[in-house]
Amino acid sequence: MPIIQSAKKALRQNIRRRKQNEERKIALKKAIKEFRKLVAAKKKDEAKAALKKVYAIADKTAKTKFIKKNKAARIKSRATKFLNKNLAK
């Protein structure tokens, strides 16, 4: 355990940030998983709504620098491509 005051504060910050990062990671993975499940079930309207959620979460995580901007763009691009490929008909 830290003894110095600044080290104690740094530990508190690290704990809080680790928790936030874990929540962001879980939210992003969960949104993508839900989206892919809806596409696989051929539920077009619900999948489009889930795609918007994937976009929002990807942008938010990139904005907070949890993931890089290009990774967010790649996630969004692949999700859109997946939707178009599987529900084009």
C-alpha atoms as a PDB file:
ATOM      1  CA  MET A   1       0.000   0.000   0.000  1.00  0.00           C
ATOM      2  CA  PRO A   2       1.228   3.487  -0.782  1.00  0.00           C
ATOM      3  CA  ILE A   3       2.447   5.686   2.026  1.00  0.00           C
ATOM      4  CA  ILE A   4       2.899   9.021   0.271  1.00  0.00           C
ATOM      5  CA  GLN A   5      -0.206  11.166  -0.219  1.00  0.00           C
ATOM      6  CA  SER A   6       0.206  11.535  -3.999  1.00  0.00           C
ATOM      7  CA  ALA A   7       0.680   7.770  -4.363  1.00  0.00           C
ATOM      8  CA  LYS A   8      -2.537   7.171  -2.415  1.00  0.00           C
ATOM      9  CA  LYS A   9      -4.410   9.507  -4.747  1.00  0.00           C
ATOM     10  CA  ALA A  10      -2.860   7.857  -7.808  1.00  0.00           C
ATOM     11  CA  LEU A  11      -4.031   4.463  -6.536  1.00  0.00           C
ATOM     12  CA  ARG A  12      -7.591   5.773  -6.080  1.00  0.00           C
ATOM     13  CA  GLN A  13      -7.532   7.185  -9.609  1.00  0.00           C
ATOM     14  CA  ASN A  14      -6.187   3.937 -11.066  1.00  0.00           C
ATOM     15  CA  ILE A  15      -8.902   1.894  -9.374  1.00  0.00           C
ATOM     16  CA  ARG A  16     -11.634   4.228 -10.645  1.00  0.00           C
ATOM     17  CA  ARG A  17     -10.210   4.296 -14.190  1.00  0.00           C
ATOM     18  CA  ARG A  18      -9.776   0.518 -14.312  1.00  0.00           C
ATOM     19  CA  LYS A  19     -13.442   0.106 -13.358  1.00  0.00           C
ATOM     20  CA  GLN A  20     -14.580   2.594 -16.021  1.00  0.00           C
ATOM     21  CA  ASN A  21     -12.427   0.934 -18.678  1.00  0.00           C
ATOM     22  CA  GLU A  22     -13.795  -2.492 -17.824  1.00  0.00           C
ATOM     23  CA  GLU A  23     -17.368  -1.171 -18.103  1.00  0.00           C
ATOM     24  CA  ARG A  24     -16.617   0.424 -21.478  1.00  0.00           C
ATOM     25  CA  LYS A  25     -15.014  -2.771 -22.773  1.00  0.00           C
ATOM     26  CA  ILE A  26     -17.960  -4.901 -21.673  1.00  0.00           C
ATOM     27  CA  ALA A  27     -20.507  -2.451 -23.129  1.00  0.00           C
ATOM     28  CA  LEU A  28     -18.775  -2.424 -26.523  1.00  0.00           C
ATOM     29  CA  LYS A  29     -18.458  -6.214 -26.715  1.00  0.00           C
ATOM     30  CA  LYS A  30     -22.044  -6.684 -25.547  1.00  0.00           C
ATOM     31  CA  ALA A  31     -23.396  -4.251 -28.165  1.00  0.00           C
ATOM     32  CA  ILE A  32     -21.480  -5.986 -30.964  1.00  0.00           C
ATOM     33  CA  LYS A  33     -22.570  -9.423 -29.788  1.00  0.00           C
ATOM     34  CA  GLU A  34     -26.230  -8.370 -29.583  1.00  0.00           C
ATOM     35  CA  PHE A  35     -26.032  -6.797 -33.051  1.00  0.00           C
ATOM     36  CA  ARG A  36     -24.514  -9.930 -34.617  1.00  0.00           C
ATOM     37  CA  LYS A  37     -27.159 -12.105 -32.933  1.00  0.00           C
ATOM     38  CA  LEU A  38     -29.982  -9.972 -34.392  1.00  0.00           C
ATOM     39  CA  VAL A  39     -28.456 -10.093 -37.876  1.00  0.00           C
ATOM     40  CA  ALA A  40     -28.083 -13.867 -37.647  1.00  0.00           C
ATOM     41  CA  ALA A  41     -31.753 -14.099 -36.646  1.00  0.00           C
ATOM     42  CA  LYS A  42     -32.670 -11.993 -39.738  1.00  0.00           C
ATOM     43  CA  LYS A  43     -34.392  -9.283 -37.639  1.00  0.00           C
ATOM     44  CA  LYS A  44     -33.688  -6.339 -39.931  1.00  0.00           C
ATOM     45  CA  ASP A  45     -35.319  -3.444 -38.042  1.00  0.00           C
ATOM     46  CA  GLU A  46     -33.954  -4.506 -34.666  1.00  0.00           C
ATOM     47  CA  ALA A  47     -30.509  -5.061 -36.190  1.00  0.00           C
ATOM     48  CA  LYS A  48     -30.504  -1.540 -37.618  1.00  0.00           C
ATOM     49  CA  ALA A  49     -31.371  -0.144 -34.182  1.00  0.00           C
ATOM     50  CA  ALA A  50     -28.584  -2.238 -32.652  1.00  0.00           C
ATOM     51  CA  LEU A  51     -26.189  -0.942 -35.331  1.00  0.00           C
ATOM     52  CA  LYS A  52     -26.899   2.618 -34.183  1.00  0.00           C
ATOM     53  CA  LYS A  53     -26.065   1.543 -30.638  1.00  0.00           C
ATOM     54  CA  VAL A  54     -22.787  -0.033 -31.821  1.00  0.00           C
ATOM     55  CA  TYR A  55     -21.934   3.231 -33.602  1.00  0.00           C
ATOM     56  CA  ALA A  56     -22.691   5.295 -30.498  1.00  0.00           C
ATOM     57  CA  ILE A  57     -20.672   3.110 -28.158  1.00  0.00           C
ATOM     58  CA  ALA A  58     -17.730   2.853 -30.569  1.00  0.00           C
ATOM     59  CA  ASP A  59     -17.666   6.643 -30.976  1.00  0.00           C
ATOM     60  CA  LYS A  60     -17.940   7.207 -27.233  1.00  0.00           C
ATOM     61  CA  THR A  61     -15.095   4.815 -26.429  1.00  0.00           C
ATOM     62  CA  ALA A  62     -12.924   6.448 -29.102  1.00  0.00           C
ATOM     63  CA  LYS A  63     -13.778   9.903 -27.778  1.00  0.00           C
ATOM     64  CA  THR A  64     -12.661   8.927 -24.287  1.00  0.00           C
ATOM     65  CA  LYS A  65      -9.495   7.417 -25.839  1.00  0.00           C
ATOM     66  CA  PHE A  66     -10.312   3.909 -24.624  1.00  0.00           C
ATOM     67  CA  ILE A  67      -9.880   2.690 -28.187  1.00  0.00           C
ATOM     68  CA  LYS A  68      -8.203   4.477 -31.074  1.00  0.00           C
ATOM     69  CA  LYS A  69     -10.199   6.436 -33.621  1.00  0.00           C
ATOM     70  CA  ASN A  70      -9.315   4.055 -36.439  1.00  0.00           C
ATOM     71  CA  LYS A  71     -10.377   1.031 -34.416  1.00  0.00           C
ATOM     72  CA  ALA A  72     -13.779   2.631 -33.869  1.00  0.00           C
ATOM     73  CA  ALA A  73     -14.023   3.283 -37.606  1.00  0.00           C
ATOM     74  CA  ARG A  74     -13.025  -0.324 -38.322  1.00  0.00           C
ATOM     75  CA  ILE A  75     -15.648  -1.681 -35.906  1.00  0.00           C
ATOM     76  CA  LYS A  76     -18.365   0.475 -37.480  1.00  0.00           C
ATOM     77  CA  SER A  77     -17.298  -0.427 -41.003  1.00  0.00           C
ATOM     78  CA  ARG A  78     -17.251  -4.153 -40.320  1.00  0.00           C
ATOM     79  CA  ALA A  79     -20.623  -4.014 -38.578  1.00  0.00           C
ATOM     80  CA  THR A  80     -22.215  -2.193 -41.511  1.00  0.00           C
ATOM     81  CA  LYS A  81     -20.623  -4.573 -43.987  1.00  0.00           C
ATOM     82  CA  PHE A  82     -21.882  -7.545 -41.954  1.00  0.00           C
ATOM     83  CA  LEU A  83     -25.413  -6.122 -41.927  1.00  0.00           C
ATOM     84  CA  ASN A  84     -25.441  -5.414 -45.663  1.00  0.00           C
ATOM     85  CA  LYS A  85     -23.982  -8.803 -46.543  1.00  0.00           C
ATOM     86  CA  ASN A  86     -26.457 -10.803 -44.478  1.00  0.00           C
ATOM     87  CA  LEU A  87     -29.646  -8.778 -44.852  1.00  0.00           C
ATOM     88  CA  ALA A  88     -29.297  -7.394 -48.377  1.00  0.00           C
ATOM     89  CA  LYS A  89     -31.962  -9.658 -49.776  1.00  0.00           C
END
